[in-house]
Amino acid sequence: MRKITFPALAAAAFFVAPALAGAQSPSPSPAPTQAPAPAPMAEPKADKALTAKGELVKVDADAKTITIKGADGVETEFAYTAATDVPGGRDGVAGLATKSGSKVTVHYTNDMGKKTATKIELADKADKKTS
């Protein structure tokens, strides 16, 4: 039988030990990466004017909203501001409170789901302009 000498054993340990140690240690994890930022949601354009026609249901001066009922029977609420134009209206939007049941056309913007009236026309006022 052959006798293994210390230098031969040391040389074998020198080459084998790092390989065994590397096999046992976990592989280095990749550098932490940040998840990509979510793409911004497309916001509805506030500057695109829309219109809705219907029957005036109510004006809530405290909440600064008006509600109209469209031809399909669906009621829609619009916010209004001091800048909302009411052609021919002496008291602005508040003056429409007594006009419940009147046909109206609401020009509005839709900003993130909030509908804000920019102009409210009574149908009889609009009809007189075209007659």
N, C-alpha and C. Protein backbone atom coordinates (compact mmCIF):
# COMPACT_ATOMS: atom_id res chain seq x y z
N MET A 1 0.81 -1.17 0.00
CA MET A 1 0.00 0.00 0.00
C MET A 1 0.86 1.24 0.00
N ARG A 2 0.35 2.20 -0.59
CA ARG A 2 1.11 3.43 -0.76
C ARG A 2 0.82 4.38 0.37
N LYS A 3 1.81 5.03 0.88
CA LYS A 3 1.66 5.95 1.99
C LYS A 3 1.52 7.37 1.44
N ILE A 4 0.51 8.11 1.91
CA ILE A 4 0.29 9.48 1.46
C ILE A 4 1.04 10.39 2.40
N THR A 5 1.80 11.27 1.84
CA THR A 5 2.60 12.18 2.63
C THR A 5 1.83 13.46 2.91
N PHE A 6 2.28 14.11 3.91
CA PHE A 6 1.64 15.36 4.32
C PHE A 6 1.64 16.41 3.22
N PRO A 7 2.74 16.63 2.50
CA PRO A 7 2.71 17.64 1.44
C PRO A 7 1.71 17.30 0.34
N ALA A 8 1.54 16.06 0.03
CA ALA A 8 0.58 15.69 -1.01
C ALA A 8 -0.85 15.94 -0.51
N LEU A 9 -1.08 15.61 0.75
CA LEU A 9 -2.39 15.84 1.34
C LEU A 9 -2.69 17.33 1.43
N ALA A 10 -1.73 18.13 1.77
CA ALA A 10 -1.90 19.58 1.87
C ALA A 10 -2.19 20.18 0.50
N ALA A 11 -1.51 19.69 -0.52
CA ALA A 11 -1.73 20.19 -1.88
C ALA A 11 -3.14 19.84 -2.34
N ALA A 12 -3.60 18.63 -2.04
CA ALA A 12 -4.95 18.22 -2.43
C ALA A 12 -5.98 19.09 -1.70
N ALA A 13 -5.75 19.34 -0.42
CA ALA A 13 -6.67 20.17 0.35
C ALA A 13 -6.69 21.60 -0.19
N PHE A 14 -5.52 22.04 -0.64
CA PHE A 14 -5.41 23.40 -1.17
C PHE A 14 -6.29 23.58 -2.42
N PHE A 15 -6.37 22.56 -3.25
CA PHE A 15 -7.16 22.65 -4.48
C PHE A 15 -8.63 22.25 -4.28
N VAL A 16 -8.90 21.32 -3.40
CA VAL A 16 -10.26 20.80 -3.23
C VAL A 16 -11.07 21.67 -2.26
N ALA A 17 -10.45 22.18 -1.21
CA ALA A 17 -11.19 22.92 -0.18
C ALA A 17 -11.94 24.12 -0.75
N PRO A 18 -11.33 24.97 -1.58
CA PRO A 18 -12.10 26.11 -2.10
C PRO A 18 -13.27 25.67 -2.98
N ALA A 19 -13.11 24.61 -3.72
CA ALA A 19 -14.20 24.13 -4.56
C ALA A 19 -15.36 23.66 -3.71
N LEU A 20 -15.06 22.93 -2.61
CA LEU A 20 -16.11 22.47 -1.71
C LEU A 20 -16.76 23.65 -0.99
N ALA A 21 -15.97 24.58 -0.56
CA ALA A 21 -16.52 25.75 0.14
C ALA A 21 -17.42 26.56 -0.79
N GLY A 22 -17.03 26.70 -2.03
CA GLY A 22 -17.83 27.44 -3.00
C GLY A 22 -19.13 26.73 -3.30
N ALA A 23 -19.12 25.40 -3.28
CA ALA A 23 -20.33 24.64 -3.55
C ALA A 23 -21.32 24.75 -2.41
N GLN A 24 -20.83 24.96 -1.20
CA GLN A 24 -21.71 25.02 -0.05
C GLN A 24 -22.25 26.42 0.21
N SER A 25 -21.53 27.41 -0.15
CA SER A 25 -22.00 28.77 0.12
C SER A 25 -23.03 29.17 -0.94
N PRO A 26 -24.02 29.92 -0.51
CA PRO A 26 -25.03 30.35 -1.50
C PRO A 26 -24.41 31.28 -2.52
N SER A 27 -24.95 31.20 -3.70
CA SER A 27 -24.44 32.09 -4.74
C SER A 27 -24.86 33.52 -4.40
N PRO A 28 -24.01 34.45 -4.71
CA PRO A 28 -24.35 35.84 -4.36
C PRO A 28 -25.62 36.25 -5.09
N SER A 29 -26.50 36.90 -4.35
CA SER A 29 -27.75 37.34 -4.98
C SER A 29 -27.45 38.56 -5.84
N PRO A 30 -28.20 38.70 -6.91
CA PRO A 30 -27.97 39.87 -7.76
C PRO A 30 -28.29 41.14 -6.97
N ALA A 31 -27.68 42.20 -7.39
CA ALA A 31 -27.91 43.48 -6.72
C ALA A 31 -29.40 43.78 -6.74
N PRO A 32 -29.92 44.28 -5.61
CA PRO A 32 -31.36 44.57 -5.59
C PRO A 32 -31.71 45.59 -6.65
N THR A 33 -32.78 45.30 -7.33
CA THR A 33 -33.24 46.24 -8.36
C THR A 33 -34.61 46.75 -7.97
N GLN A 34 -34.88 47.95 -8.34
CA GLN A 34 -36.19 48.52 -8.06
C GLN A 34 -37.13 48.12 -9.18
N ALA A 35 -38.34 47.81 -8.78
CA ALA A 35 -39.35 47.50 -9.79
C ALA A 35 -39.59 48.76 -10.62
N PRO A 36 -39.82 48.60 -11.90
CA PRO A 36 -40.07 49.80 -12.71
C PRO A 36 -41.33 50.51 -12.21
N ALA A 37 -41.27 51.81 -12.25
CA ALA A 37 -42.41 52.60 -11.80
C ALA A 37 -43.60 52.31 -12.72
N PRO A 38 -44.79 52.19 -12.12
CA PRO A 38 -45.95 51.93 -12.98
C PRO A 38 -46.18 53.08 -13.94
N ALA A 39 -46.63 52.74 -15.11
CA ALA A 39 -46.89 53.77 -16.11
C ALA A 39 -48.03 54.66 -15.61
N PRO A 40 -47.89 55.96 -15.78
CA PRO A 40 -48.96 56.85 -15.33
C PRO A 40 -50.24 56.55 -16.09
N MET A 41 -51.35 56.62 -15.36
CA MET A 41 -52.64 56.39 -16.00
C MET A 41 -52.97 57.56 -16.91
N ALA A 42 -53.55 57.25 -18.01
CA ALA A 42 -53.97 58.31 -18.91
C ALA A 42 -55.10 59.08 -18.24
N GLU A 43 -54.90 60.34 -18.07
CA GLU A 43 -55.92 61.17 -17.44
C GLU A 43 -56.86 61.72 -18.50
N PRO A 44 -58.15 61.71 -18.19
CA PRO A 44 -59.07 62.31 -19.14
C PRO A 44 -58.74 63.79 -19.30
N LYS A 45 -58.80 64.25 -20.49
CA LYS A 45 -58.50 65.66 -20.75
C LYS A 45 -59.60 66.54 -20.19
N ALA A 46 -59.20 67.51 -19.38
CA ALA A 46 -60.17 68.41 -18.77
C ALA A 46 -60.58 69.50 -19.76
N ASP A 47 -59.75 69.72 -20.78
CA ASP A 47 -60.04 70.84 -21.66
C ASP A 47 -60.98 70.46 -22.81
N LYS A 48 -61.34 69.21 -22.95
CA LYS A 48 -62.25 68.81 -24.02
C LYS A 48 -63.68 69.07 -23.56
N ALA A 49 -64.36 69.96 -24.25
CA ALA A 49 -65.73 70.32 -23.87
C ALA A 49 -66.69 69.24 -24.34
N LEU A 50 -67.56 68.84 -23.43
CA LEU A 50 -68.58 67.86 -23.72
C LEU A 50 -69.94 68.50 -23.50
N THR A 51 -70.99 67.90 -24.04
CA THR A 51 -72.33 68.43 -23.80
C THR A 51 -73.27 67.32 -23.40
N ALA A 52 -74.26 67.71 -22.63
CA ALA A 52 -75.32 66.78 -22.22
C ALA A 52 -76.64 67.55 -22.30
N LYS A 53 -77.65 66.89 -22.82
CA LYS A 53 -78.97 67.51 -22.91
C LYS A 53 -79.94 66.71 -22.07
N GLY A 54 -80.86 67.42 -21.48
CA GLY A 54 -81.86 66.73 -20.68
C GLY A 54 -82.78 67.70 -19.98
N GLU A 55 -83.51 67.15 -19.02
CA GLU A 55 -84.48 67.92 -18.24
C GLU A 55 -83.85 68.25 -16.90
N LEU A 56 -83.94 69.52 -16.52
CA LEU A 56 -83.39 69.95 -15.24
C LEU A 56 -84.20 69.32 -14.10
N VAL A 57 -83.51 68.56 -13.25
CA VAL A 57 -84.18 67.91 -12.12
C VAL A 57 -84.09 68.78 -10.89
N LYS A 58 -82.87 69.21 -10.55
CA LYS A 58 -82.72 70.05 -9.35
C LYS A 58 -81.42 70.82 -9.40
N VAL A 59 -81.39 71.90 -8.60
CA VAL A 59 -80.19 72.70 -8.38
C VAL A 59 -79.95 72.69 -6.88
N ASP A 60 -78.77 72.27 -6.47
CA ASP A 60 -78.40 72.27 -5.05
C ASP A 60 -77.37 73.37 -4.85
N ALA A 61 -77.85 74.53 -4.38
CA ALA A 61 -76.97 75.69 -4.23
C ALA A 61 -75.92 75.46 -3.15
N ASP A 62 -76.26 74.69 -2.11
CA ASP A 62 -75.28 74.44 -1.04
C ASP A 62 -74.12 73.58 -1.54
N ALA A 63 -74.44 72.53 -2.29
CA ALA A 63 -73.40 71.63 -2.81
C ALA A 63 -72.83 72.13 -4.13
N LYS A 64 -73.44 73.18 -4.70
CA LYS A 64 -73.04 73.74 -5.99
C LYS A 64 -73.07 72.66 -7.07
N THR A 65 -74.22 71.98 -7.16
CA THR A 65 -74.41 70.96 -8.19
C THR A 65 -75.78 71.14 -8.84
N ILE A 66 -75.88 70.66 -10.08
CA ILE A 66 -77.17 70.58 -10.76
C ILE A 66 -77.32 69.14 -11.24
N THR A 67 -78.54 68.69 -11.33
CA THR A 67 -78.83 67.33 -11.80
C THR A 67 -79.79 67.43 -12.97
N ILE A 68 -79.44 66.72 -14.04
CA ILE A 68 -80.35 66.65 -15.19
C ILE A 68 -80.67 65.19 -15.48
N LYS A 69 -81.83 64.98 -16.11
CA LYS A 69 -82.22 63.63 -16.52
C LYS A 69 -82.21 63.59 -18.03
N GLY A 70 -81.40 62.68 -18.58
CA GLY A 70 -81.29 62.55 -20.03
C GLY A 70 -82.48 61.83 -20.62
N ALA A 71 -82.53 61.77 -21.94
CA ALA A 71 -83.62 61.11 -22.64
C ALA A 71 -83.72 59.63 -22.27
N ASP A 72 -82.60 59.04 -21.84
CA ASP A 72 -82.58 57.63 -21.45
C ASP A 72 -83.05 57.42 -20.01
N GLY A 73 -83.39 58.52 -19.32
CA GLY A 73 -83.88 58.43 -17.95
C GLY A 73 -82.80 58.43 -16.89
N VAL A 74 -81.55 58.48 -17.30
CA VAL A 74 -80.43 58.47 -16.36
C VAL A 74 -80.17 59.89 -15.86
N GLU A 75 -80.08 60.03 -14.54
CA GLU A 75 -79.78 61.34 -13.96
C GLU A 75 -78.27 61.52 -13.84
N THR A 76 -77.80 62.70 -14.20
CA THR A 76 -76.38 63.01 -14.14
C THR A 76 -76.20 64.30 -13.34
N GLU A 77 -75.22 64.28 -12.46
CA GLU A 77 -74.95 65.45 -11.62
C GLU A 77 -73.70 66.17 -12.13
N PHE A 78 -73.78 67.49 -12.14
CA PHE A 78 -72.67 68.33 -12.57
C PHE A 78 -72.36 69.33 -11.47
N ALA A 79 -71.09 69.54 -11.22
CA ALA A 79 -70.69 70.61 -10.31
C ALA A 79 -70.71 71.90 -11.11
N TYR A 80 -70.88 73.01 -10.42
CA TYR A 80 -70.76 74.31 -11.10
C TYR A 80 -69.96 75.25 -10.23
N THR A 81 -69.46 76.31 -10.85
CA THR A 81 -68.65 77.30 -10.14
C THR A 81 -69.22 78.69 -10.44
N ALA A 82 -68.60 79.67 -9.82
CA ALA A 82 -69.02 81.05 -10.08
C ALA A 82 -68.75 81.44 -11.54
N ALA A 83 -67.82 80.72 -12.17
CA ALA A 83 -67.48 81.03 -13.56
C ALA A 83 -68.40 80.34 -14.57
N THR A 84 -69.30 79.47 -14.10
CA THR A 84 -70.22 78.79 -15.02
C THR A 84 -71.15 79.80 -15.67
N ASP A 85 -71.17 79.80 -17.00
CA ASP A 85 -71.95 80.76 -17.77
C ASP A 85 -73.39 80.27 -17.92
N VAL A 86 -74.33 81.15 -17.61
CA VAL A 86 -75.76 80.86 -17.81
C VAL A 86 -76.30 82.01 -18.66
N PRO A 87 -76.26 81.85 -20.00
CA PRO A 87 -76.73 82.93 -20.86
C PRO A 87 -78.18 83.31 -20.56
N GLY A 88 -78.41 84.59 -20.37
CA GLY A 88 -79.75 85.09 -20.10
C GLY A 88 -80.20 84.91 -18.66
N GLY A 89 -79.40 84.23 -17.87
CA GLY A 89 -79.77 84.02 -16.47
C GLY A 89 -79.37 85.20 -15.63
N ARG A 90 -80.30 85.79 -14.94
CA ARG A 90 -80.01 86.97 -14.13
C ARG A 90 -79.27 86.61 -12.85
N ASP A 91 -79.60 85.45 -12.29
CA ASP A 91 -79.01 85.06 -11.02
C ASP A 91 -78.03 83.91 -11.17
N GLY A 92 -77.52 83.70 -12.36
CA GLY A 92 -76.58 82.61 -12.59
C GLY A 92 -77.24 81.26 -12.43
N VAL A 93 -76.48 80.29 -11.99
CA VAL A 93 -77.00 78.94 -11.84
C VAL A 93 -78.10 78.89 -10.79
N ALA A 94 -77.96 79.66 -9.72
CA ALA A 94 -78.97 79.66 -8.66
C ALA A 94 -80.34 80.05 -9.21
N GLY A 95 -80.37 80.88 -10.23
CA GLY A 95 -81.63 81.29 -10.84
C GLY A 95 -82.34 80.15 -11.55
N LEU A 96 -81.63 79.06 -11.82
CA LEU A 96 -82.24 77.91 -12.48
C LEU A 96 -83.06 77.05 -11.51
N ALA A 97 -82.93 77.31 -10.23
CA ALA A 97 -83.63 76.49 -9.23
C ALA A 97 -85.14 76.48 -9.46
N THR A 98 -85.66 77.55 -10.00
CA THR A 98 -87.11 77.62 -10.25
C THR A 98 -87.48 77.07 -11.62
N LYS A 99 -86.51 76.60 -12.37
CA LYS A 99 -86.73 76.13 -13.74
C LYS A 99 -86.76 74.60 -13.83
N SER A 100 -87.02 73.93 -12.72
CA SER A 100 -87.08 72.48 -12.72
C SER A 100 -88.04 71.99 -13.79
N GLY A 101 -87.63 70.98 -14.55
CA GLY A 101 -88.47 70.46 -15.64
C GLY A 101 -88.12 71.06 -16.99
N SER A 102 -87.36 72.16 -16.99
CA SER A 102 -86.96 72.80 -18.25
C SER A 102 -85.92 71.96 -18.97
N LYS A 103 -85.94 72.05 -20.29
CA LYS A 103 -84.92 71.39 -21.10
C LYS A 103 -83.66 72.24 -21.06
N VAL A 104 -82.51 71.58 -20.81
CA VAL A 104 -81.25 72.31 -20.73
C VAL A 104 -80.17 71.57 -21.52
N THR A 105 -79.18 72.35 -21.90
CA THR A 105 -77.96 71.80 -22.48
C THR A 105 -76.83 72.23 -21.57
N VAL A 106 -76.08 71.24 -21.08
CA VAL A 106 -74.96 71.52 -20.19
C VAL A 106 -73.66 71.27 -20.94
N HIS A 107 -72.84 72.28 -21.03
CA HIS A 107 -71.50 72.15 -21.58
C HIS A 107 -70.60 71.94 -20.36
N TYR A 108 -69.78 70.90 -20.41
CA TYR A 108 -68.99 70.57 -19.22
C TYR A 108 -67.65 69.96 -19.57
N THR A 109 -66.80 69.90 -18.57
CA THR A 109 -65.52 69.20 -18.69
C THR A 109 -65.58 68.01 -17.75
N ASN A 110 -64.82 66.99 -18.08
CA ASN A 110 -64.76 65.79 -17.25
C ASN A 110 -63.31 65.61 -16.83
N ASP A 111 -63.01 65.95 -15.61
CA ASP A 111 -61.65 65.87 -15.10
C ASP A 111 -61.60 64.79 -14.03
N MET A 112 -61.00 63.64 -14.38
CA MET A 112 -60.87 62.52 -13.44
C MET A 112 -62.23 62.07 -12.92
N GLY A 113 -63.23 62.09 -13.76
CA GLY A 113 -64.55 61.64 -13.38
C GLY A 113 -65.45 62.72 -12.78
N LYS A 114 -64.90 63.90 -12.51
CA LYS A 114 -65.71 64.99 -11.97
C LYS A 114 -66.19 65.85 -13.14
N LYS A 115 -67.50 65.93 -13.27
CA LYS A 115 -68.10 66.71 -14.36
C LYS A 115 -68.40 68.10 -13.84
N THR A 116 -67.81 69.10 -14.48
CA THR A 116 -68.00 70.49 -14.06
C THR A 116 -68.60 71.29 -15.21
N ALA A 117 -69.77 71.86 -14.94
CA ALA A 117 -70.47 72.65 -15.97
C ALA A 117 -69.71 73.94 -16.24
N THR A 118 -69.50 74.23 -17.51
CA THR A 118 -68.88 75.49 -17.90
C THR A 118 -69.93 76.46 -18.45
N LYS A 119 -71.02 75.88 -18.98
CA LYS A 119 -72.10 76.70 -19.53
C LYS A 119 -73.39 75.89 -19.46
N ILE A 120 -74.46 76.54 -19.04
CA ILE A 120 -75.76 75.89 -18.96
C ILE A 120 -76.75 76.74 -19.75
N GLU A 121 -77.34 76.14 -20.78
CA GLU A 121 -78.29 76.86 -21.61
C GLU A 121 -79.69 76.27 -21.45
N LEU A 122 -80.65 77.14 -21.23
CA LEU A 122 -82.05 76.71 -21.24
C LEU A 122 -82.46 76.53 -22.69
N ALA A 123 -83.18 75.45 -22.99
CA ALA A 123 -83.56 75.14 -24.37
C ALA A 123 -84.42 76.26 -24.96
N ASP A 124 -85.33 76.85 -24.17
CA ASP A 124 -86.18 77.89 -24.72
C ASP A 124 -85.36 79.13 -25.07
N LYS A 125 -84.28 79.38 -24.32
CA LYS A 125 -83.39 80.52 -24.64
C LYS A 125 -82.65 80.25 -25.93
N ALA A 126 -82.17 79.00 -26.11
CA ALA A 126 -81.44 78.65 -27.32
C ALA A 126 -82.36 78.67 -28.53
N ASP A 127 -83.61 78.22 -28.35
CA ASP A 127 -84.55 78.19 -29.46
C ASP A 127 -84.88 79.60 -29.94
N LYS A 128 -84.96 80.57 -29.00
CA LYS A 128 -85.29 81.94 -29.38
C LYS A 128 -84.16 82.55 -30.21
N LYS A 129 -82.91 82.13 -29.94
CA LYS A 129 -81.80 82.67 -30.70
C LYS A 129 -81.84 82.21 -32.15
N THR A 130 -82.30 80.97 -32.38
CA THR A 130 -82.32 80.44 -33.74
C THR A 130 -83.59 80.83 -34.50
N SER A 131 -84.63 81.28 -33.81
CA SER A 131 -85.90 81.64 -34.46
C SER A 131 -85.84 83.01 -35.07
